[in-house]
Amino acid sequence: MGFRAESKVAKGQHLSTYQRGIVKRYYQNIDTLSLHRLSEAVSELYLCEDDRKAVRLWANVESALKKVKADPKRVAVVMTHKNVRDLAALVNELSGGK
């Protein structure tokens, strides 16, 4: 079969050239991906009626905010108050909106 030892992703992290390219592009675009996740989370939080789901969504928001270049003080305020409108305004600013 066509399975080679180099394609294992265990301790040695032997990746093919194609796989290294995928990983490189992922990390080059991680801020864009995080902003996309944040905008989706804003929509889900607006519509969320389940408290347990909201807690999980806010945890996801917190981890995504760590990956983007946001003002830490502003992030702390948003995460403390857990106000969806403030989060939406922050995501809009990070996305280039005004």
Protein backbone atom coordinates (compact mmCIF):
# COMPACT_ATOMS: atom_id res chain seq x y z
CA MET A 1 0.00 0.00 0.00
CA GLY A 2 1.04 3.64 -0.35
CA PHE A 3 1.51 4.35 3.36
CA ARG A 4 4.92 5.73 4.21
CA ALA A 5 6.53 6.20 7.62
CA GLU A 6 6.98 9.95 6.95
CA SER A 7 3.24 10.57 7.04
CA LYS A 8 2.93 9.67 10.72
CA VAL A 9 2.20 12.66 12.92
CA ALA A 10 3.31 11.17 16.21
CA LYS A 11 6.26 12.34 18.28
CA GLY A 12 8.54 12.98 15.32
CA GLN A 13 6.04 15.26 13.51
CA HIS A 14 7.15 14.00 10.10
CA LEU A 15 4.92 15.87 7.69
CA SER A 16 4.99 15.83 3.94
CA THR A 17 5.71 19.05 2.06
CA TYR A 18 2.01 19.37 1.25
CA GLN A 19 1.04 18.93 4.92
CA ARG A 20 3.65 21.48 6.05
CA GLY A 21 2.14 23.95 3.56
CA ILE A 22 -1.33 23.40 5.01
CA VAL A 23 -0.08 23.93 8.56
CA LYS A 24 1.86 27.05 7.52
CA ARG A 25 -1.18 28.59 5.81
CA TYR A 26 -3.36 27.76 8.84
CA TYR A 27 -1.07 29.69 11.18
CA GLN A 28 -0.71 32.56 8.71
CA ASN A 29 -4.50 32.97 8.71
CA ILE A 30 -5.29 32.16 12.34
CA ASP A 31 -6.37 35.73 13.09
CA THR A 32 -8.87 35.68 10.21
CA LEU A 33 -10.19 32.30 11.32
CA SER A 34 -10.54 33.54 14.91
CA LEU A 35 -12.44 36.63 13.77
CA HIS A 36 -14.78 34.43 11.76
CA ARG A 37 -15.38 32.22 14.82
CA LEU A 38 -16.01 35.32 16.93
CA SER A 39 -18.59 36.67 14.50
CA GLU A 40 -20.35 33.29 14.47
CA ALA A 41 -20.29 33.25 18.28
CA VAL A 42 -21.91 36.69 18.40
CA SER A 43 -24.77 35.43 16.26
CA GLU A 44 -25.17 32.30 18.35
CA LEU A 45 -25.08 34.27 21.62
CA TYR A 46 -27.80 36.63 20.38
CA LEU A 47 -30.04 33.64 19.65
CA CYS A 48 -28.99 31.48 22.60
CA GLU A 49 -31.66 30.57 25.11
CA ASP A 50 -29.79 27.82 26.97
CA ASP A 51 -27.54 28.97 29.83
CA ARG A 52 -25.19 25.99 29.52
CA LYS A 53 -24.70 26.65 25.83
CA ALA A 54 -24.06 30.32 26.55
CA VAL A 55 -21.34 29.42 29.07
CA ARG A 56 -19.68 27.19 26.46
CA LEU A 57 -19.96 29.91 23.81
CA TRP A 58 -18.40 32.52 26.10
CA ALA A 59 -15.50 30.14 26.79
CA ASN A 60 -14.99 29.79 23.02
CA VAL A 61 -15.14 33.57 22.67
CA GLU A 62 -12.47 33.98 25.32
CA SER A 63 -10.10 31.56 23.60
CA ALA A 64 -10.71 33.18 20.19
CA LEU A 65 -10.07 36.66 21.62
CA LYS A 66 -6.68 35.47 22.85
CA LYS A 67 -5.73 34.63 19.25
CA VAL A 68 -6.54 38.04 17.78
CA LYS A 69 -4.81 41.32 18.43
CA ALA A 70 -7.39 42.93 20.67
CA ASP A 71 -6.88 45.42 23.48
CA PRO A 72 -6.54 43.29 26.64
CA LYS A 73 -8.39 45.85 28.78
CA ARG A 74 -11.32 45.88 26.39
CA VAL A 75 -11.35 42.09 26.25
CA ALA A 76 -11.38 41.97 30.05
CA VAL A 77 -14.39 44.32 30.16
CA VAL A 78 -16.30 42.30 27.56
CA MET A 79 -15.54 39.02 29.33
CA THR A 80 -16.43 40.43 32.76
CA HIS A 81 -19.80 41.82 31.71
CA LYS A 82 -20.51 39.18 29.04
CA ASN A 83 -22.49 41.72 27.05
CA VAL A 84 -23.16 40.50 23.52
CA ARG A 85 -23.53 44.03 22.13
CA ASP A 86 -20.09 45.00 23.45
CA LEU A 87 -18.66 41.82 21.98
CA ALA A 88 -20.29 42.57 18.63
CA ALA A 89 -18.81 46.09 18.65
CA LEU A 90 -15.35 44.70 19.46
CA VAL A 91 -15.55 42.08 16.72
CA ASN A 92 -16.74 44.72 14.26
CA GLU A 93 -13.76 46.94 15.11
CA LEU A 94 -11.33 44.04 14.83
CA SER A 95 -12.80 43.14 11.44
CA GLY A 96 -12.12 46.63 10.14
CA GLY A 97 -15.56 48.14 10.63
CA LYS A 98 -16.18 51.36 12.51
